[in-house]
PDB file of N, CA and C in Angstrom:
ATOM      1  N   MET A   1     271.707 100.824  -4.558  1.00  0.00           N
ATOM      2  CA  MET A   1     271.171 101.176  -3.202  1.00  0.00           C
ATOM      3  C   MET A   1     271.371 100.116  -2.475  1.00  0.00           C
ATOM      4  N   PHE A   2     270.918  98.843  -2.464  1.00  0.00           N
ATOM      5  CA  PHE A   2     270.902  97.982  -1.467  1.00  0.00           C
ATOM      6  C   PHE A   2     272.191  97.005  -1.904  1.00  0.00           C
ATOM      7  N   GLY A   3     272.697  96.347  -1.075  1.00  0.00           N
ATOM      8  CA  GLY A   3     273.878  95.189  -1.358  1.00  0.00           C
ATOM      9  C   GLY A   3     273.347  93.932  -1.438  1.00  0.00           C
ATOM     10  N   ARG A   4     273.996  93.064  -1.759  1.00  0.00           N
ATOM     11  CA  ARG A   4     273.670  91.924  -2.513  1.00  0.00           C
ATOM     12  C   ARG A   4     272.928  91.186  -1.257  1.00  0.00           C
ATOM     13  N   ALA A   5     271.904  90.277  -1.676  1.00  0.00           N
ATOM     14  CA  ALA A   5     271.169  89.424  -0.693  1.00  0.00           C
ATOM     15  C   ALA A   5     272.266  88.480  -0.057  1.00  0.00           C
ATOM     16  N   MET A   6     271.722  88.311   1.184  1.00  0.00           N
ATOM     17  CA  MET A   6     272.648  87.217   2.110  1.00  0.00           C
ATOM     18  C   MET A   6     272.664  85.987   1.536  1.00  0.00           C
ATOM     19  N   SER A   7     273.701  85.291   1.303  1.00  0.00           N
ATOM     20  CA  SER A   7     273.746  83.754   1.192  1.00  0.00           C
ATOM     21  C   SER A   7     272.967  82.979   2.209  1.00  0.00           C
ATOM     22  N   VAL A   8     272.491  81.631   1.751  1.00  0.00           N
ATOM     23  CA  VAL A   8     272.035  80.670   2.469  1.00  0.00           C
ATOM     24  C   VAL A   8     272.838  80.256   3.973  1.00  0.00           C
ATOM     25  N   GLU A   9     274.249  80.537   3.744  1.00  0.00           N
ATOM     26  CA  GLU A   9     275.074  80.150   4.534  1.00  0.00           C
ATOM     27  C   GLU A   9     275.131  81.376   5.677  1.00  0.00           C
ATOM     28  N   ALA A  10     275.300  82.358   4.990  1.00  0.00           N
ATOM     29  CA  ALA A  10     275.220  83.566   6.092  1.00  0.00           C
ATOM     30  C   ALA A  10     273.923  83.922   6.724  1.00  0.00           C
ATOM     31  N   ILE A  11     272.709  83.268   6.203  1.00  0.00           N
ATOM     32  CA  ILE A  11     271.406  83.534   6.919  1.00  0.00           C
ATOM     33  C   ILE A  11     271.389  82.553   7.860  1.00  0.00           C
ATOM     34  N   MET A  12     272.068  81.257   7.590  1.00  0.00           N
ATOM     35  CA  MET A  12     272.016  80.054   8.533  1.00  0.00           C
ATOM     36  C   MET A  12     273.000  80.855   9.956  1.00  0.00           C
ATOM     37  N   GLU A  13     274.225  81.059   9.783  1.00  0.00           N
ATOM     38  CA  GLU A  13     275.261  81.563  10.650  1.00  0.00           C
ATOM     39  C   GLU A  13     274.703  82.929  11.348  1.00  0.00           C
ATOM     40  N   GLN A  14     274.214  83.594  10.765  1.00  0.00           N
ATOM     41  CA  GLN A  14     274.025  85.072  11.325  1.00  0.00           C
ATOM     42  C   GLN A  14     272.489  85.309  11.956  1.00  0.00           C
ATOM     43  N   VAL A  15     271.601  84.610  11.496  1.00  0.00           N
ATOM     44  CA  VAL A  15     270.274  84.890  11.533  1.00  0.00           C
ATOM     45  C   VAL A  15     269.546  83.832  12.123  1.00  0.00           C
ATOM     46  N   ILE A  16     269.573  82.313  11.210  1.00  0.00           N
ATOM     47  CA  ILE A  16     268.900  81.281  11.870  1.00  0.00           C
ATOM     48  C   ILE A  16     269.573  80.785  13.191  1.00  0.00           C
ATOM     49  N   ASN A  17     270.730  80.326  13.130  1.00  0.00           N
ATOM     50  CA  ASN A  17     271.333  79.639  14.317  1.00  0.00           C
ATOM     51  C   ASN A  17     271.373  80.508  15.756  1.00  0.00           C
ATOM     52  N   PRO A  18     271.570  81.808  15.515  1.00  0.00           N
ATOM     53  CA  PRO A  18     271.269  82.343  16.811  1.00  0.00           C
ATOM     54  C   PRO A  18     270.105  82.689  17.397  1.00  0.00           C
ATOM     55  N   GLY A  19     269.069  82.819  16.264  1.00  0.00           N
ATOM     56  CA  GLY A  19     267.688  82.417  16.913  1.00  0.00           C
ATOM     57  C   GLY A  19     267.297  81.481  17.380  1.00  0.00           C
ATOM     58  N   ALA A  20     267.619  80.379  16.727  1.00  0.00           N
ATOM     59  CA  ALA A  20     267.266  78.871  17.311  1.00  0.00           C
ATOM     60  C   ALA A  20     267.882  78.686  18.649  1.00  0.00           C
ATOM     61  N   THR A  21     269.196  79.181  18.904  1.00  0.00           N
ATOM     62  CA  THR A  21     269.782  79.296  20.083  1.00  0.00           C
ATOM     63  C   THR A  21     269.605  79.809  21.236  1.00  0.00           C
ATOM     64  N   ALA A  22     268.858  81.138  20.939  1.00  0.00           N
ATOM     65  CA  ALA A  22     268.131  81.838  21.937  1.00  0.00           C
ATOM     66  C   ALA A  22     266.979  81.067  22.390  1.00  0.00           C
ATOM     67  N   PHE A  23     266.258  80.697  21.554  1.00  0.00           N
ATOM     68  CA  PHE A  23     264.899  79.854  21.718  1.00  0.00           C
ATOM     69  C   PHE A  23     265.191  78.655  22.634  1.00  0.00           C
ATOM     70  N   TRP A  24     266.192  77.691  21.858  1.00  0.00           N
ATOM     71  CA  TRP A  24     266.488  76.454  22.728  1.00  0.00           C
ATOM     72  C   TRP A  24     267.323  76.824  24.284  1.00  0.00           C
ATOM     73  N   GLY A  25     268.074  78.031  24.233  1.00  0.00           N
ATOM     74  CA  GLY A  25     268.488  78.372  25.496  1.00  0.00           C
ATOM     75  C   GLY A  25     267.719  78.596  26.663  1.00  0.00           C
ATOM     76  N   ALA A  26     266.278  78.626  26.263  1.00  0.00           N
ATOM     77  CA  ALA A  26     265.197  78.968  27.373  1.00  0.00           C
ATOM     78  C   ALA A  26     264.380  77.774  27.866  1.00  0.00           C
ATOM     79  N   TRP A  27     264.998  76.658  27.580  1.00  0.00           N
ATOM     80  CA  TRP A  27     264.321  75.303  27.790  1.00  0.00           C
ATOM     81  C   TRP A  27     265.285  74.061  28.287  1.00  0.00           C
ATOM     82  N   GLY A  28     264.895  73.602  29.171  1.00  0.00           N
ATOM     83  CA  GLY A  28     265.840  72.346  29.906  1.00  0.00           C
ATOM     84  C   GLY A  28     266.571  72.858  31.128  1.00  0.00           C
ATOM     85  N   GLU A  29     267.550  72.024  31.228  1.00  0.00           N
ATOM     86  CA  GLU A  29     268.517  72.313  32.446  1.00  0.00           C
ATOM     87  C   GLU A  29     270.069  72.053  32.025  1.00  0.00           C
ATOM     88  N   VAL A  30     270.830  72.757  32.864  1.00  0.00           N
ATOM     89  CA  VAL A  30     272.317  72.752  32.764  1.00  0.00           C
ATOM     90  C   VAL A  30     272.671  72.181  34.139  1.00  0.00           C
ATOM     91  N   SER A  31     273.730  71.544  34.243  1.00  0.00           N
ATOM     92  CA  SER A  31     274.455  71.377  35.436  1.00  0.00           C
ATOM     93  C   SER A  31     275.787  71.852  35.385  1.00  0.00           C
ATOM     94  N   ASP A  32     276.334  72.481  36.472  1.00  0.00           N
ATOM     95  CA  ASP A  32     277.568  72.874  36.862  1.00  0.00           C
ATOM     96  C   ASP A  32     277.869  72.603  38.134  1.00  0.00           C
ATOM     97  N   ASN A  33     279.074  73.192  38.722  1.00  0.00           N
ATOM     98  CA  ASN A  33     279.627  72.992  39.960  1.00  0.00           C
ATOM     99  C   ASN A  33     278.823  73.279  41.183  1.00  0.00           C
ATOM    100  N   ARG A  34     277.821  73.947  40.948  1.00  0.00           N
ATOM    101  CA  ARG A  34     276.515  74.300  41.934  1.00  0.00           C
ATOM    102  C   ARG A  34     275.228  73.703  41.880  1.00  0.00           C
ATOM    103  N   GLY A  35     275.334  72.625  40.763  1.00  0.00           N
ATOM    104  CA  GLY A  35     274.339  72.009  40.897  1.00  0.00           C
ATOM    105  C   GLY A  35     273.460  71.709  39.344  1.00  0.00           C
ATOM    106  N   VAL A  36     272.341  71.578  39.582  1.00  0.00           N
ATOM    107  CA  VAL A  36     271.369  71.403  38.454  1.00  0.00           C
ATOM    108  C   VAL A  36     270.423  72.668  38.256  1.00  0.00           C
ATOM    109  N   HIS A  37     270.114  73.293  36.976  1.00  0.00           N
ATOM    110  CA  HIS A  37     269.546  74.549  36.923  1.00  0.00           C
ATOM    111  C   HIS A  37     268.719  74.641  35.976  1.00  0.00           C
ATOM    112  N   SER A  38     267.524  75.221  36.096  1.00  0.00           N
ATOM    113  CA  SER A  38     266.597  75.293  34.985  1.00  0.00           C
ATOM    114  C   SER A  38     266.949  76.459  33.813  1.00  0.00           C
ATOM    115  N   LEU A  39     266.385  76.073  32.818  1.00  0.00           N
ATOM    116  CA  LEU A  39     267.027  77.341  31.829  1.00  0.00           C
ATOM    117  C   LEU A  39     265.508  78.140  31.575  1.00  0.00           C
ATOM    118  N   ARG A  40     264.343  77.690  32.336  1.00  0.00           N
ATOM    119  CA  ARG A  40     263.218  78.359  32.059  1.00  0.00           C
ATOM    120  C   ARG A  40     263.402  79.687  32.383  1.00  0.00           C
ATOM    121  N   PRO A  41     263.031  80.293  31.303  1.00  0.00           N
ATOM    122  CA  PRO A  41     262.723  81.818  31.599  1.00  0.00           C
ATOM    123  C   PRO A  41     262.127  82.518  32.942  1.00  0.00           C
ATOM    124  N   ALA A  42     262.684  83.308  33.898  1.00  0.00           N
ATOM    125  CA  ALA A  42     262.309  83.745  35.130  1.00  0.00           C
ATOM    126  C   ALA A  42     261.797  85.187  35.181  1.00  0.00           C
ATOM    127  N   THR A  43     262.023  85.924  33.942  1.00  0.00           N
ATOM    128  CA  THR A  43     261.833  87.164  33.772  1.00  0.00           C
ATOM    129  C   THR A  43     260.948  87.580  32.349  1.00  0.00           C
ATOM    130  N   GLU A  44     260.366  88.756  32.424  1.00  0.00           N
ATOM    131  CA  GLU A  44     260.051  89.252  31.248  1.00  0.00           C
ATOM    132  C   GLU A  44     261.065  89.257  29.994  1.00  0.00           C
ATOM    133  N   ALA A  45     262.132  89.727  30.507  1.00  0.00           N
ATOM    134  CA  ALA A  45     263.272  89.823  29.494  1.00  0.00           C
ATOM    135  C   ALA A  45     263.572  88.594  28.992  1.00  0.00           C
ATOM    136  N   GLU A  46     263.882  87.562  29.782  1.00  0.00           N
ATOM    137  CA  GLU A  46     264.269  86.237  29.254  1.00  0.00           C
ATOM    138  C   GLU A  46     263.169  85.622  28.461  1.00  0.00           C
ATOM    139  N   TRP A  47     261.932  85.751  28.588  1.00  0.00           N
ATOM    140  CA  TRP A  47     260.941  85.308  27.699  1.00  0.00           C
ATOM    141  C   TRP A  47     261.008  85.813  26.490  1.00  0.00           C
ATOM    142  N   LYS A  48     261.263  87.108  26.535  1.00  0.00           N
ATOM    143  CA  LYS A  48     261.293  88.291  25.381  1.00  0.00           C
ATOM    144  C   LYS A  48     262.594  87.310  24.436  1.00  0.00           C
ATOM    145  N   VAL A  49     263.745  87.121  25.098  1.00  0.00           N
ATOM    146  CA  VAL A  49     264.678  86.709  24.306  1.00  0.00           C
ATOM    147  C   VAL A  49     264.336  85.329  23.637  1.00  0.00           C
ATOM    148  N   ALA A  50     263.717  84.388  24.425  1.00  0.00           N
ATOM    149  CA  ALA A  50     263.162  83.240  23.708  1.00  0.00           C
ATOM    150  C   ALA A  50     262.334  83.355  22.623  1.00  0.00           C
ATOM    151  N   GLU A  51     261.207  84.532  22.656  1.00  0.00           N
ATOM    152  CA  GLU A  51     260.342  84.984  21.623  1.00  0.00           C
ATOM    153  C   GLU A  51     260.865  85.565  20.507  1.00  0.00           C
ATOM    154  N   ASN A  52     261.956  86.308  20.745  1.00  0.00           N
ATOM    155  CA  ASN A  52     262.624  86.882  19.608  1.00  0.00           C
ATOM    156  C   ASN A  52     263.335  85.921  18.694  1.00  0.00           C
ATOM    157  N   GLY A  53     263.965  85.009  19.625  1.00  0.00           N
ATOM    158  CA  GLY A  53     264.775  83.694  18.882  1.00  0.00           C
ATOM    159  C   GLY A  53     263.963  83.094  17.886  1.00  0.00           C
ATOM    160  N   ALA A  54     262.539  82.441  18.535  1.00  0.00           N
ATOM    161  CA  ALA A  54     261.800  81.845  17.537  1.00  0.00           C
ATOM    162  C   ALA A  54     260.958  82.581  16.380  1.00  0.00           C
ATOM    163  N   ALA A  55     260.760  83.959  16.676  1.00  0.00           N
ATOM    164  CA  ALA A  55     260.208  84.912  15.588  1.00  0.00           C
ATOM    165  C   ALA A  55     261.420  85.077  14.439  1.00  0.00           C
ATOM    166  N   THR A  56     262.624  85.223  14.767  1.00  0.00           N
ATOM    167  CA  THR A  56     263.799  85.354  14.101  1.00  0.00           C
ATOM    168  C   THR A  56     263.786  84.138  12.974  1.00  0.00           C
ATOM    169  N   VAL A  57     263.849  82.900  13.551  1.00  0.00           N
ATOM    170  CA  VAL A  57     263.733  81.919  12.782  1.00  0.00           C
ATOM    171  C   VAL A  57     262.727  81.447  11.900  1.00  0.00           C
ATOM    172  N   ALA A  58     261.263  81.734  12.220  1.00  0.00           N
ATOM    173  CA  ALA A  58     260.208  81.987  11.729  1.00  0.00           C
ATOM    174  C   ALA A  58     260.455  82.747  10.357  1.00  0.00           C
ATOM    175  N   GLU A  59     260.789  83.983  10.683  1.00  0.00           N
ATOM    176  CA  GLU A  59     260.826  84.826   9.476  1.00  0.00           C
ATOM    177  C   GLU A  59     262.006  84.693   8.588  1.00  0.00           C
ATOM    178  N   ALA A  60     263.324  83.964   9.070  1.00  0.00           N
ATOM    179  CA  ALA A  60     264.303  83.842   8.328  1.00  0.00           C
ATOM    180  C   ALA A  60     264.095  82.796   7.382  1.00  0.00           C
ATOM    181  N   ALA A  61     263.446  81.796   7.963  1.00  0.00           N
ATOM    182  CA  ALA A  61     263.142  80.592   7.072  1.00  0.00           C
ATOM    183  C   ALA A  61     262.570  80.826   5.808  1.00  0.00           C
ATOM    184  N   ARG A  62     261.484  81.860   5.785  1.00  0.00           N
ATOM    185  CA  ARG A  62     260.840  82.387   4.854  1.00  0.00           C
ATOM    186  C   ARG A  62     261.686  83.002   3.742  1.00  0.00           C
ATOM    187  N   LEU A  63     262.761  83.704   4.152  1.00  0.00           N
ATOM    188  CA  LEU A  63     263.870  84.223   3.126  1.00  0.00           C
ATOM    189  C   LEU A  63     264.422  83.113   2.277  1.00  0.00           C
ATOM    190  N   LEU A  64     264.421  81.748   2.759  1.00  0.00           N
ATOM    191  CA  LEU A  64     264.962  80.657   2.182  1.00  0.00           C
ATOM    192  C   LEU A  64     264.330  80.250   0.972  1.00  0.00           C
ATOM    193  N   LEU A  65     262.956  80.920   0.940  1.00  0.00           N
ATOM    194  CA  LEU A  65     262.156  80.602  -0.391  1.00  0.00           C
ATOM    195  C   LEU A  65     262.070  81.769  -1.515  1.00  0.00           C
ATOM    196  N   LEU A  66     263.107  82.770  -1.308  1.00  0.00           N
ATOM    197  CA  LEU A  66     263.153  83.843  -2.174  1.00  0.00           C
ATOM    198  C   LEU A  66     264.429  83.905  -2.828  1.00  0.00           C
ATOM    199  N   PRO A  67     264.404  84.256  -4.086  1.00  0.00           N
ATOM    200  CA  PRO A  67     265.546  84.192  -5.095  1.00  0.00           C
ATOM    201  C   PRO A  67     266.514  85.298  -4.311  1.00  0.00           C
ATOM    202  N   PRO A  68     267.613  84.984  -4.322  1.00  0.00           N
ATOM    203  CA  PRO A  68     268.535  83.988  -5.101  1.00  0.00           C
ATOM    204  C   PRO A  68     268.486  82.961  -4.245  1.00  0.00           C
ATOM    205  N   ARG A  69     268.093  82.732  -2.946  1.00  0.00           N
ATOM    206  CA  ARG A  69     268.555  81.449  -2.230  1.00  0.00           C
ATOM    207  C   ARG A  69     267.755  80.351  -2.428  1.00  0.00           C
ATOM    208  N   ARG A  70     266.496  80.503  -3.105  1.00  0.00           N
ATOM    209  CA  ARG A  70     265.442  79.234  -3.374  1.00  0.00           C
ATOM    210  C   ARG A  70     266.161  78.388  -4.176  1.00  0.00           C
ATOM    211  N   VAL A  71     266.043  77.021  -3.918  1.00  0.00           N
ATOM    212  CA  VAL A  71     266.768  75.918  -4.758  1.00  0.00           C
ATOM    213  C   VAL A  71     265.267  75.325  -5.336  1.00  0.00           C
ATOM    214  N   ASP A  72     265.587  75.385  -6.644  1.00  0.00           N
ATOM    215  CA  ASP A  72     264.265  74.874  -7.414  1.00  0.00           C
ATOM    216  C   ASP A  72     264.343  73.200  -7.284  1.00  0.00           C
ATOM    217  N   ASP A  73     263.458  72.851  -6.058  1.00  0.00           N
ATOM    218  CA  ASP A  73     263.487  71.555  -5.422  1.00  0.00           C
ATOM    219  C   ASP A  73     262.562  71.547  -4.635  1.00  0.00           C
ATOM    220  N   LEU A  74     261.452  70.670  -4.788  1.00  0.00           N
ATOM    221  CA  LEU A  74     260.216  70.507  -4.004  1.00  0.00           C
ATOM    222  C   LEU A  74     260.794  70.446  -2.523  1.00  0.00           C
ATOM    223  N   ASP A  75     261.830  69.708  -2.247  1.00  0.00           N
ATOM    224  CA  ASP A  75     262.257  69.026  -0.983  1.00  0.00           C
ATOM    225  C   ASP A  75     262.704  70.658  -0.172  1.00  0.00           C
ATOM    226  N   TRP A  76     263.407  71.343  -0.937  1.00  0.00           N
ATOM    227  CA  TRP A  76     264.001  72.640  -0.386  1.00  0.00           C
ATOM    228  C   TRP A  76     262.871  73.666   0.273  1.00  0.00           C
ATOM    229  N   THR A  77     261.660  73.481  -0.709  1.00  0.00           N
ATOM    230  CA  THR A  77     260.261  74.354  -0.244  1.00  0.00           C
ATOM    231  C   THR A  77     259.771  73.766   0.893  1.00  0.00           C
ATOM    232  N   THR A  78     259.543  72.455   0.832  1.00  0.00           N
ATOM    233  CA  THR A  78     259.019  71.584   2.032  1.00  0.00           C
ATOM    234  C   THR A  78     259.819  71.939   3.308  1.00  0.00           C
ATOM    235  N   TYR A  79     261.141  71.615   3.264  1.00  0.00           N
ATOM    236  CA  TYR A  79     262.020  72.076   4.696  1.00  0.00           C
ATOM    237  C   TYR A  79     261.684  73.293   5.173  1.00  0.00           C
ATOM    238  N   ALA A  80     262.038  74.391   4.154  1.00  0.00           N
ATOM    239  CA  ALA A  80     261.995  75.897   4.526  1.00  0.00           C
ATOM    240  C   ALA A  80     260.429  76.074   5.234  1.00  0.00           C
ATOM    241  N   ARG A  81     259.494  75.418   4.496  1.00  0.00           N
ATOM    242  CA  ARG A  81     257.949  75.863   5.141  1.00  0.00           C
ATOM    243  C   ARG A  81     258.172  75.339   6.366  1.00  0.00           C
ATOM    244  N   SER A  82     258.534  73.777   6.543  1.00  0.00           N
ATOM    245  CA  SER A  82     258.557  73.342   7.844  1.00  0.00           C
ATOM    246  C   SER A  82     259.164  73.966   8.849  1.00  0.00           C
ATOM    247  N   LEU A  83     260.355  74.386   8.621  1.00  0.00           N
ATOM    248  CA  LEU A  83     261.064  75.202   9.526  1.00  0.00           C
ATOM    249  C   LEU A  83     260.443  76.382   9.956  1.00  0.00           C
ATOM    250  N   SER A  84     259.802  77.287   9.040  1.00  0.00           N
ATOM    251  CA  SER A  84     258.894  78.342   9.442  1.00  0.00           C
ATOM    252  C   SER A  84     257.681  77.920  10.251  1.00  0.00           C
ATOM    253  N   ASP A  85     256.946  76.917   9.839  1.00  0.00           N
ATOM    254  CA  ASP A  85     255.958  76.444  10.467  1.00  0.00           C
ATOM    255  C   ASP A  85     256.054  75.917  12.061  1.00  0.00           C
ATOM    256  N   VAL A  86     257.311  75.311  12.124  1.00  0.00           N
ATOM    257  CA  VAL A  86     257.595  74.952  13.350  1.00  0.00           C
ATOM    258  C   VAL A  86     258.217  76.059  14.397  1.00  0.00           C
ATOM    259  N   ALA A  87     259.107  76.925  13.739  1.00  0.00           N
ATOM    260  CA  ALA A  87     259.247  77.979  14.427  1.00  0.00           C
ATOM    261  C   ALA A  87     258.212  79.203  14.871  1.00  0.00           C
ATOM    262  N   THR A  88     257.165  78.863  13.980  1.00  0.00           N
ATOM    263  CA  THR A  88     255.888  79.980  14.366  1.00  0.00           C
ATOM    264  C   THR A  88     255.086  79.321  15.630  1.00  0.00           C
ATOM    265  N   GLU A  89     255.019  77.949  15.681  1.00  0.00           N
ATOM    266  CA  GLU A  89     254.787  77.129  16.891  1.00  0.00           C
ATOM    267  C   GLU A  89     255.403  77.391  17.971  1.00  0.00           C
ATOM    268  N   ALA A  90     256.861  77.426  17.869  1.00  0.00           N
ATOM    269  CA  ALA A  90     257.614  77.881  19.066  1.00  0.00           C
ATOM    270  C   ALA A  90     257.448  79.497  19.477  1.00  0.00           C
ATOM    271  N   LEU A  91     257.021  80.246  18.482  1.00  0.00           N
ATOM    272  CA  LEU A  91     257.046  81.701  18.753  1.00  0.00           C
ATOM    273  C   LEU A  91     255.627  81.733  19.533  1.00  0.00           C
ATOM    274  N   GLU A  92     254.603  80.959  19.409  1.00  0.00           N
ATOM    275  CA  GLU A  92     253.376  80.972  20.044  1.00  0.00           C
ATOM    276  C   GLU A  92     253.544  80.291  21.331  1.00  0.00           C
ATOM    277  N   ALA A  93     254.316  79.316  21.337  1.00  0.00           N
ATOM    278  CA  ALA A  93     254.606  78.781  22.942  1.00  0.00           C
ATOM    279  C   ALA A  93     255.372  79.627  23.867  1.00  0.00           C
ATOM    280  N   THR A  94     256.273  80.466  23.139  1.00  0.00           N
ATOM    281  CA  THR A  94     256.706  81.382  24.080  1.00  0.00           C
ATOM    282  C   THR A  94     255.683  82.744  24.493  1.00  0.00           C
ATOM    283  N   LYS A  95     254.984  83.096  23.669  1.00  0.00           N
ATOM    284  CA  LYS A  95     254.124  84.034  23.821  1.00  0.00           C
ATOM    285  C   LYS A  95     253.248  83.709  24.852  1.00  0.00           C
ATOM    286  N   ALA A  96     252.679  82.465  24.876  1.00  0.00           N
ATOM    287  CA  ALA A  96     252.024  82.048  26.027  1.00  0.00           C
ATOM    288  C   ALA A  96     252.673  81.593  27.177  1.00  0.00           C
ATOM    289  N   LYS A  97     253.851  81.695  27.254  1.00  0.00           N
ATOM    290  CA  LYS A  97     254.843  81.242  28.519  1.00  0.00           C
ATOM    291  C   LYS A  97     254.360  79.533  28.756  1.00  0.00           C
ATOM    292  N   ASP A  98     254.335  79.003  27.587  1.00  0.00           N
ATOM    293  CA  ASP A  98     253.793  77.567  27.689  1.00  0.00           C
ATOM    294  C   ASP A  98     255.355  76.781  27.507  1.00  0.00           C
ATOM    295  N   TYR A  99     255.888  76.501  28.848  1.00  0.00           N
ATOM    296  CA  TYR A  99     257.093  75.902  28.888  1.00  0.00           C
ATOM    297  C   TYR A  99     257.329  74.656  28.216  1.00  0.00           C
ATOM    298  N   GLU A 100     256.170  73.638  28.678  1.00  0.00           N
ATOM    299  CA  GLU A 100     256.282  72.430  28.533  1.00  0.00           C
ATOM    300  C   GLU A 100     256.019  72.346  26.721  1.00  0.00           C
ATOM    301  N   ARG A 101     255.337  73.149  26.203  1.00  0.00           N
ATOM    302  CA  ARG A 101     255.010  73.089  24.788  1.00  0.00           C
ATOM    303  C   ARG A 101     256.183  73.613  24.113  1.00  0.00           C
ATOM    304  N   MET A 102     257.133  74.349  24.647  1.00  0.00           N
ATOM    305  CA  MET A 102     258.316  74.903  24.261  1.00  0.00           C
ATOM    306  C   MET A 102     259.216  73.849  23.979  1.00  0.00           C
ATOM    307  N   GLY A 103     259.314  72.775  24.863  1.00  0.00           N
ATOM    308  CA  GLY A 103     260.245  71.674  24.891  1.00  0.00           C
ATOM    309  C   GLY A 103     259.797  70.797  23.720  1.00  0.00           C
ATOM    310  N   GLU A 104     258.479  70.505  23.648  1.00  0.00           N
ATOM    311  CA  GLU A 104     257.853  69.734  22.474  1.00  0.00           C
ATOM    312  C   GLU A 104     258.221  70.217  21.148  1.00  0.00           C
ATOM    313  N   VAL A 105     257.979  71.530  20.995  1.00  0.00           N
ATOM    314  CA  VAL A 105     258.124  72.141  19.716  1.00  0.00           C
ATOM    315  C   VAL A 105     259.764  72.193  19.769  1.00  0.00           C
ATOM    316  N   GLY A 106     260.390  72.516  20.534  1.00  0.00           N
ATOM    317  CA  GLY A 106     261.848  72.637  20.408  1.00  0.00           C
ATOM    318  C   GLY A 106     262.355  71.382  19.915  1.00  0.00           C
ATOM    319  N   GLU A 107     261.982  70.226  20.320  1.00  0.00           N
ATOM    320  CA  GLU A 107     262.418  69.098  19.575  1.00  0.00           C
ATOM    321  C   GLU A 107     262.305  68.891  18.362  1.00  0.00           C
ATOM    322  N   ARG A 108     261.170  69.357  17.627  1.00  0.00           N
ATOM    323  CA  ARG A 108     260.646  69.144  16.313  1.00  0.00           C
ATOM    324  C   ARG A 108     261.527  70.543  15.576  1.00  0.00           C
ATOM    325  N   LEU A 109     261.760  71.478  16.172  1.00  0.00           N
ATOM    326  CA  LEU A 109     262.528  72.596  15.620  1.00  0.00           C
ATOM    327  C   LEU A 109     264.113  71.954  15.279  1.00  0.00           C
ATOM    328  N   ASP A 110     264.519  71.083  16.188  1.00  0.00           N
ATOM    329  CA  ASP A 110     265.840  70.606  15.977  1.00  0.00           C
ATOM    330  C   ASP A 110     265.505  69.650  14.760  1.00  0.00           C
ATOM    331  N   LYS A 111     264.736  68.977  14.718  1.00  0.00           N
ATOM    332  CA  LYS A 111     264.349  67.673  13.528  1.00  0.00           C
ATOM    333  C   LYS A 111     264.129  68.537  12.245  1.00  0.00           C
ATOM    334  N   ALA A 112     263.637  69.571  12.283  1.00  0.00           N
ATOM    335  CA  ALA A 112     263.337  70.350  11.100  1.00  0.00           C
ATOM    336  C   ALA A 112     264.679  70.729  10.388  1.00  0.00           C
ATOM    337  N   CYS A 113     265.551  71.055  11.414  1.00  0.00           N
ATOM    338  CA  CYS A 113     266.689  71.664  10.735  1.00  0.00           C
ATOM    339  C   CYS A 113     267.773  70.410  10.406  1.00  0.00           C
ATOM    340  N   GLU A 114     267.850  69.612  11.203  1.00  0.00           N
ATOM    341  CA  GLU A 114     268.626  68.395  10.923  1.00  0.00           C
ATOM    342  C   GLU A 114     267.963  67.663   9.780  1.00  0.00           C
ATOM    343  N   ALA A 115     266.940  67.505   9.286  1.00  0.00           N
ATOM    344  CA  ALA A 115     266.298  66.797   7.917  1.00  0.00           C
ATOM    345  C   ALA A 115     266.903  67.678   6.738  1.00  0.00           C
ATOM    346  N   CYS A 116     266.793  69.062   7.087  1.00  0.00           N
ATOM    347  CA  CYS A 116     267.551  70.007   5.668  1.00  0.00           C
ATOM    348  C   CYS A 116     268.953  69.735   5.632  1.00  0.00           C
ATOM    349  N   HIS A 117     269.652  69.953   6.820  1.00  0.00           N
ATOM    350  CA  HIS A 117     271.168  69.698   6.675  1.00  0.00           C
ATOM    351  C   HIS A 117     271.654  68.538   6.295  1.00  0.00           C
ATOM    352  N   GLN A 118     270.682  67.294   6.439  1.00  0.00           N
ATOM    353  CA  GLN A 118     271.418  65.840   5.815  1.00  0.00           C
ATOM    354  C   GLN A 118     271.323  66.161   4.451  1.00  0.00           C
ATOM    355  N   LYS A 119     270.519  66.907   3.702  1.00  0.00           N
ATOM    356  CA  LYS A 119     270.361  66.924   2.472  1.00  0.00           C
ATOM    357  C   LYS A 119     271.118  68.070   1.896  1.00  0.00           C
ATOM    358  N   TYR A 120     271.214  69.082   2.418  1.00  0.00           N
ATOM    359  CA  TYR A 120     271.627  70.142   1.684  1.00  0.00           C
ATOM    360  C   TYR A 120     273.041  70.874   2.351  1.00  0.00           C
ATOM    361  N   ALA A 121     273.493  70.580   3.491  1.00  0.00           N
ATOM    362  CA  ALA A 121     274.731  71.205   4.202  1.00  0.00           C
ATOM    363  C   ALA A 121     275.648  70.317   3.404  1.00  0.00           C
ATOM    364  N   HIS A 122     276.640  70.928   3.548  1.00  0.00           N
ATOM    365  CA  HIS A 122     278.190  70.393   2.983  1.00  0.00           C
ATOM    366  C   HIS A 122     279.187  70.456   4.071  1.00  0.00           C
TER     367      HIS A 122
END
């Protein structure tokens, strides 16, 4: 009835990375030939993109704890839960439109990703 579960690699490429990119894309500045521009969401639709990105990461991280993706390793569980917890904080920050908190949480989200990748990414 249902197809096979997505692999860890597919979840990362098709779910977590786009979600994190949507969240991170709503904070900071970019510089181009017209000057420096803030990435801070200016409309409800832009805030919603950031919110949806954070929600996607929070929920997708939980998928990493389910068979057949779960690795029987305490570190795997710790990394996946940490990612979900930090992404949930990111979701709360976007819902509150707390731009400064988004920046702080965004840095921790990056660190949560990198810690896991150092051990498991090939």
